[in-house]
Amino acid sequence: MSRPPGEDRTLRALGLAGVPREEPLLYPGAWPRESGLLDGDRLLPLDRPVYDEEDGRVPVLAIGSNASPAQLRHKMAEFGIDSPIPMVRSRVTGLGIGVSAHVSRMGYVSASPVGAPGSVRELFVLWLDAEQLAVIDASEGVPMAGGNFDRVWLPAPDVRVEPGDGSVLGGAYAYVNRHGVLHDGTGAPRRHPGAQRPLITELLHGSARLRELFGATPEEFSARARADRRLCDRGTRLFAEEGRVTASGLERYVGSGPQDPFSGSRTPSAGPTAPTP
């Protein structure tokens, strides 16, 4: 797709260049204002909002940093994949954004989907091909016994996804946290505030043991957690030990849908193993 004359569609020009994997306190990263086609370092206009099996793509709901074009580009670059990714801003009913009950090795506390009947929000649907889906699976730890997420199929009408062309998708994939999510003190999943500093500040304020592990500020938390698997595992266990964890409400979908939409397709075989978030 060609770029309109004189229009700079680079991620930097659009204010979308920050990468949470490189700067953890930016999580979840900047989301686009509208649908687009992520093509290398540019977010181009999108010509259509829905794809099908003939296109070789499946819909994946982006709950956290997967809706950040810069984060997506960073993940794909680890495997040398530069094929375009359609990102469709969609109206989603029945899903909320909670707080993952694990400490990420990337240095942040990520978002996780939670069941929220009747709740309506705007989220991005990524239409991924086989290689792209394999990369995102790897980045979420899906293939690993010790990974943090399962990829699940959320069917309509349980979760209603409207991509804006008048249609309703039959369902979409999402990544559900294997550890559960943090609750708000009443037992209900707490909302992810969409910014790391207030979230980490509150988590540290509420636990002396967490401060002992990760320090007293978001900056210390991120610096200590980053790439320290054992420390992150201790923090994850501490969430459970202190009774901060509850179910997402989506656990019933694990293993119940089409988990391998590209069975037999080629997956990335070269390059570094994507570190799990």
Protein backbone atom coordinates (compact mmCIF):
# COMPACT_ATOMS: atom_id res chain seq x y z
CA MET A 1 0.00 0.00 0.00
CA SER A 2 1.48 3.34 -1.00
CA ARG A 3 1.90 6.26 1.37
CA PRO A 4 -0.01 9.47 0.60
CA PRO A 5 2.36 12.14 -0.72
CA GLY A 6 3.94 14.20 2.07
CA GLU A 7 2.54 12.08 4.89
CA ASP A 8 5.04 10.62 7.35
CA ARG A 9 3.61 7.32 8.63
CA THR A 10 6.67 6.18 10.58
CA LEU A 11 6.06 5.06 14.14
CA ARG A 12 8.22 7.90 15.44
CA ALA A 13 6.25 10.52 13.52
CA LEU A 14 3.01 9.03 14.83
CA GLY A 15 4.24 9.00 18.45
CA LEU A 16 4.27 5.19 18.56
CA ALA A 17 8.01 4.43 18.66
CA GLY A 18 8.51 3.56 22.37
CA VAL A 19 9.23 -0.14 23.03
CA PRO A 20 8.20 -1.45 26.48
CA ARG A 21 10.67 -4.33 26.20
CA GLU A 22 13.44 -1.73 26.07
CA GLU A 23 11.84 0.81 28.43
CA PRO A 24 9.65 -1.20 30.86
CA LEU A 25 7.90 1.75 32.48
CA LEU A 26 6.42 2.65 29.09
CA TYR A 27 4.23 -0.51 29.25
CA PRO A 28 1.81 -1.12 27.58
CA GLY A 29 3.28 1.25 25.04
CA ALA A 30 1.45 3.70 22.81
CA TRP A 31 -1.60 2.34 21.00
CA PRO A 32 -2.68 3.75 17.63
CA ARG A 33 -5.79 5.89 17.45
CA GLU A 34 -7.15 3.96 14.51
CA SER A 35 -6.77 0.75 12.54
CA GLY A 36 -3.67 0.34 10.43
CA LEU A 37 -1.27 -2.00 8.68
CA LEU A 38 2.02 -2.36 10.53
CA ASP A 39 4.59 -2.61 7.76
CA GLY A 40 8.14 -2.38 9.02
CA ASP A 41 8.59 1.00 10.69
CA ARG A 42 5.35 2.41 9.30
CA LEU A 43 1.68 2.19 10.22
CA LEU A 44 -0.17 2.48 6.93
CA PRO A 45 -3.89 2.90 6.25
CA LEU A 46 -5.78 -0.40 6.27
CA ASP A 47 -7.94 -1.35 3.32
CA ARG A 48 -10.24 -3.79 5.15
CA PRO A 49 -11.00 -4.82 8.74
CA VAL A 50 -11.72 -8.55 8.38
CA TYR A 51 -9.69 -11.47 7.02
CA ASP A 52 -10.54 -15.15 6.71
CA GLU A 53 -8.97 -18.59 6.36
CA GLU A 54 -8.24 -17.97 2.69
CA ASP A 55 -6.02 -15.07 3.74
CA GLY A 56 -4.10 -17.39 6.06
CA ARG A 57 -4.72 -15.21 9.11
CA VAL A 58 -6.48 -15.59 12.46
CA PRO A 59 -7.81 -12.90 14.85
CA VAL A 60 -5.94 -12.31 18.12
CA LEU A 61 -7.11 -9.78 20.70
CA ALA A 62 -4.36 -7.46 21.94
CA ILE A 63 -4.86 -6.78 25.65
CA GLY A 64 -1.58 -5.10 26.63
CA SER A 65 1.61 -4.31 24.74
CA ASN A 66 0.65 -6.44 21.74
CA ALA A 67 -1.43 -3.41 20.73
CA SER A 68 1.76 -1.35 20.60
CA PRO A 69 3.12 -1.34 17.03
CA ALA A 70 6.66 -0.77 18.30
CA GLN A 71 6.43 -3.74 20.66
CA LEU A 72 5.04 -5.93 17.89
CA ARG A 73 7.83 -4.91 15.54
CA HIS A 74 10.41 -5.65 18.27
CA LYS A 75 9.00 -9.15 18.87
CA MET A 76 8.92 -9.98 15.16
CA ALA A 77 12.45 -8.67 14.63
CA GLU A 78 13.80 -11.29 17.05
CA PHE A 79 12.90 -13.90 14.43
CA GLY A 80 13.70 -11.83 11.36
CA ILE A 81 10.03 -11.55 10.42
CA ASP A 82 9.00 -8.34 8.69
CA SER A 83 5.70 -9.29 7.05
CA PRO A 84 2.86 -6.76 7.53
CA ILE A 85 0.39 -7.11 10.41
CA PRO A 86 -3.19 -5.78 10.13
CA MET A 87 -4.25 -4.08 13.38
CA VAL A 88 -8.00 -3.47 13.58
CA ARG A 89 -9.51 -1.25 16.25
CA SER A 90 -12.64 -3.11 17.34
CA ARG A 91 -15.55 -2.85 19.75
CA VAL A 92 -15.32 -5.73 22.23
CA THR A 93 -18.05 -6.75 24.64
CA GLY A 94 -17.55 -9.17 27.54
CA LEU A 95 -13.86 -8.62 28.24
CA GLY A 96 -11.93 -6.49 30.70
CA ILE A 97 -8.24 -5.73 31.20
CA GLY A 98 -6.87 -7.05 34.48
CA VAL A 99 -3.44 -7.22 36.09
CA SER A 100 -1.35 -10.33 35.56
CA ALA A 101 -0.49 -12.18 38.76
CA HIS A 102 3.15 -12.52 37.75
CA VAL A 103 6.21 -10.31 37.60
CA SER A 104 7.54 -10.06 34.06
CA ARG A 105 11.19 -10.59 33.24
CA MET A 106 10.78 -7.59 30.98
CA GLY A 107 10.57 -5.41 34.10
CA TYR A 108 6.87 -4.64 34.23
CA VAL A 109 3.58 -6.07 35.50
CA SER A 110 1.60 -6.93 32.40
CA ALA A 111 -2.08 -6.89 31.54
CA SER A 112 -4.29 -9.97 31.25
CA PRO A 113 -7.83 -10.38 29.94
CA VAL A 114 -10.63 -11.00 32.44
CA GLY A 115 -14.22 -11.99 31.93
CA ALA A 116 -16.48 -8.93 32.17
CA PRO A 117 -20.01 -9.68 30.93
CA GLY A 118 -21.65 -6.60 29.48
CA SER A 119 -18.49 -4.51 29.58
CA VAL A 120 -17.70 -2.70 26.33
CA ARG A 121 -14.30 -1.34 25.30
CA GLU A 122 -12.15 -0.60 22.28
CA LEU A 123 -9.36 -3.13 21.68
CA PHE A 124 -7.18 -4.07 18.75
CA VAL A 125 -7.57 -7.30 16.82
CA LEU A 126 -4.33 -8.49 15.23
CA TRP A 127 -4.79 -10.63 12.12
CA LEU A 128 -1.75 -12.92 12.32
CA ASP A 129 -0.37 -15.45 9.89
CA ALA A 130 1.25 -18.71 11.00
CA GLU A 131 4.75 -17.32 11.57
CA GLN A 132 3.51 -14.22 13.33
CA LEU A 133 1.24 -16.23 15.62
CA ALA A 134 4.13 -18.54 16.51
CA VAL A 135 6.24 -15.53 17.49
CA ILE A 136 3.54 -14.06 19.73
CA ASP A 137 2.92 -17.50 21.26
CA ALA A 138 6.62 -17.77 22.06
CA SER A 139 6.73 -14.27 23.53
CA GLU A 140 3.84 -15.17 25.86
CA GLY A 141 5.38 -18.49 26.90
CA VAL A 142 2.60 -20.60 25.40
CA PRO A 143 4.85 -23.48 24.21
CA MET A 144 6.74 -23.62 27.53
CA ALA A 145 5.73 -25.65 30.58
CA GLY A 146 6.84 -22.73 32.74
CA GLY A 147 5.32 -20.05 30.52
CA ASN A 148 2.93 -17.45 31.81
CA PHE A 149 0.08 -17.59 29.31
CA ASP A 150 -2.23 -19.97 27.47
CA ARG A 151 -3.69 -18.99 24.12
CA VAL A 152 -7.44 -19.57 24.21
CA TRP A 153 -10.29 -19.21 21.77
CA LEU A 154 -13.03 -16.85 23.02
CA PRO A 155 -16.19 -17.63 21.07
CA ALA A 156 -19.09 -15.38 20.24
CA PRO A 157 -21.45 -14.58 21.82
CA ASP A 158 -19.47 -14.97 25.08
CA VAL A 159 -17.10 -12.30 23.77
CA ARG A 160 -18.50 -10.12 21.00
CA VAL A 161 -15.94 -8.58 18.64
CA GLU A 162 -17.15 -5.97 16.14
CA PRO A 163 -14.41 -4.78 13.74
CA GLY A 164 -16.37 -1.80 12.49
CA ASP A 165 -17.72 -2.99 9.16
CA GLY A 166 -21.06 -4.12 10.58
CA SER A 167 -19.92 -7.71 11.10
CA VAL A 168 -19.37 -9.72 14.29
CA LEU A 169 -16.48 -12.17 14.47
CA GLY A 170 -17.22 -15.78 15.35
CA GLY A 171 -14.56 -15.51 18.04
CA ALA A 172 -10.97 -14.48 18.61
CA TYR A 173 -7.87 -15.74 20.38
CA ALA A 174 -6.55 -14.16 23.56
CA TYR A 175 -3.77 -14.92 26.04
CA VAL A 176 -4.99 -15.94 29.51
CA ASN A 177 -2.58 -15.84 32.42
CA ARG A 178 -1.78 -19.23 33.96
CA HIS A 179 -1.18 -17.59 37.34
CA GLY A 180 -4.52 -15.80 37.48
CA VAL A 181 -4.88 -12.05 38.00
CA LEU A 182 -4.60 -9.67 40.94
CA HIS A 183 -7.83 -8.71 42.72
CA ASP A 184 -8.97 -5.31 43.93
CA GLY A 185 -9.41 -6.21 47.59
CA THR A 186 -13.00 -7.39 47.21
CA GLY A 187 -12.04 -10.57 45.34
CA ALA A 188 -12.92 -9.12 41.94
CA PRO A 189 -10.17 -8.69 39.34
CA ARG A 190 -8.59 -5.28 39.57
CA ARG A 191 -8.34 -3.12 36.48
CA HIS A 192 -4.98 -2.53 34.91
CA PRO A 193 -4.48 1.25 35.02
CA GLY A 194 -2.66 1.25 31.70
CA ALA A 195 0.45 2.81 33.23
CA GLN A 196 3.26 1.15 35.15
CA ARG A 197 4.33 3.78 37.65
CA PRO A 198 1.02 4.08 39.55
CA LEU A 199 0.47 0.32 39.42
CA ILE A 200 3.91 -0.66 40.68
CA THR A 201 3.87 2.14 43.28
CA GLU A 202 0.62 0.80 44.71
CA LEU A 203 1.80 -2.81 44.67
CA LEU A 204 5.02 -1.90 46.49
CA HIS A 205 3.18 0.27 49.00
CA GLY A 206 0.93 -2.66 49.90
CA SER A 207 3.67 -5.20 50.63
CA ALA A 208 6.84 -4.87 52.72
CA ARG A 209 8.00 -8.23 51.38
CA LEU A 210 7.64 -7.03 47.81
CA ARG A 211 9.71 -3.93 48.65
CA GLU A 212 12.40 -6.17 50.14
CA LEU A 213 12.64 -8.01 46.83
CA PHE A 214 12.23 -5.19 44.33
CA GLY A 215 12.98 -1.89 46.08
CA ALA A 216 10.79 1.06 46.94
CA THR A 217 10.23 2.71 43.55
CA PRO A 218 8.99 1.67 40.10
CA GLU A 219 12.45 2.34 38.71
CA GLU A 220 14.06 -0.01 41.24
CA PHE A 221 11.35 -2.60 40.62
CA SER A 222 11.94 -2.62 36.87
CA ALA A 223 15.72 -2.64 37.15
CA ARG A 224 15.76 -5.57 39.59
CA ALA A 225 13.12 -7.60 37.79
CA ARG A 226 14.54 -7.20 34.31
CA ALA A 227 15.91 -10.51 33.05
CA ASP A 228 16.18 -11.96 36.59
CA ARG A 229 14.03 -15.06 36.29
CA ARG A 230 14.50 -16.26 39.88
CA LEU A 231 13.58 -12.90 41.37
CA CYS A 232 10.51 -12.63 39.12
CA ASP A 233 9.46 -16.14 40.14
CA ARG A 234 9.78 -15.16 43.81
CA GLY A 235 7.64 -12.09 43.22
CA THR A 236 5.05 -14.17 41.41
CA ARG A 237 4.88 -16.65 44.29
CA LEU A 238 4.60 -13.76 46.75
CA PHE A 239 1.45 -12.47 45.04
CA ALA A 240 -0.16 -15.85 45.72
CA GLU A 241 1.24 -16.18 49.25
CA GLU A 242 -0.15 -12.79 50.23
CA GLY A 243 -3.61 -13.68 48.90
CA ARG A 244 -3.63 -11.11 46.12
CA VAL A 245 -4.62 -13.52 43.34
CA THR A 246 -7.99 -14.47 41.88
CA ALA A 247 -9.23 -16.23 38.73
CA SER A 248 -9.65 -14.30 35.49
CA GLY A 249 -12.97 -15.96 34.72
CA LEU A 250 -11.60 -17.21 31.40
CA GLU A 251 -9.95 -20.40 32.61
CA ARG A 252 -12.80 -22.53 31.27
CA TYR A 253 -11.71 -21.74 27.72
CA VAL A 254 -8.24 -23.25 28.12
CA GLY A 255 -8.05 -26.30 25.85
CA SER A 256 -11.64 -25.94 24.67
CA GLY A 257 -11.18 -24.31 21.28
CA PRO A 258 -9.09 -24.55 18.09
CA GLN A 259 -5.69 -24.24 19.76
CA ASP A 260 -3.64 -25.01 16.62
CA PRO A 261 -5.20 -23.12 13.71
CA PHE A 262 -2.10 -23.62 11.57
CA SER A 263 -1.36 -27.24 12.37
CA GLY A 264 1.50 -28.38 10.18
CA SER A 265 2.51 -24.87 9.15
CA ARG A 266 6.08 -23.67 9.38
CA THR A 267 7.00 -21.81 12.56
CA PRO A 268 10.10 -19.72 13.26
CA SER A 269 13.10 -22.00 13.55
CA ALA A 270 15.96 -19.54 13.59
CA GLY A 271 17.00 -16.68 15.81
CA PRO A 272 16.90 -16.26 19.58
CA THR A 273 14.21 -17.73 21.74
CA ALA A 274 11.80 -14.97 22.60
CA PRO A 275 11.99 -14.21 26.34
CA THR A 276 8.69 -14.76 28.09
CA PRO A 277 7.06 -11.65 29.56
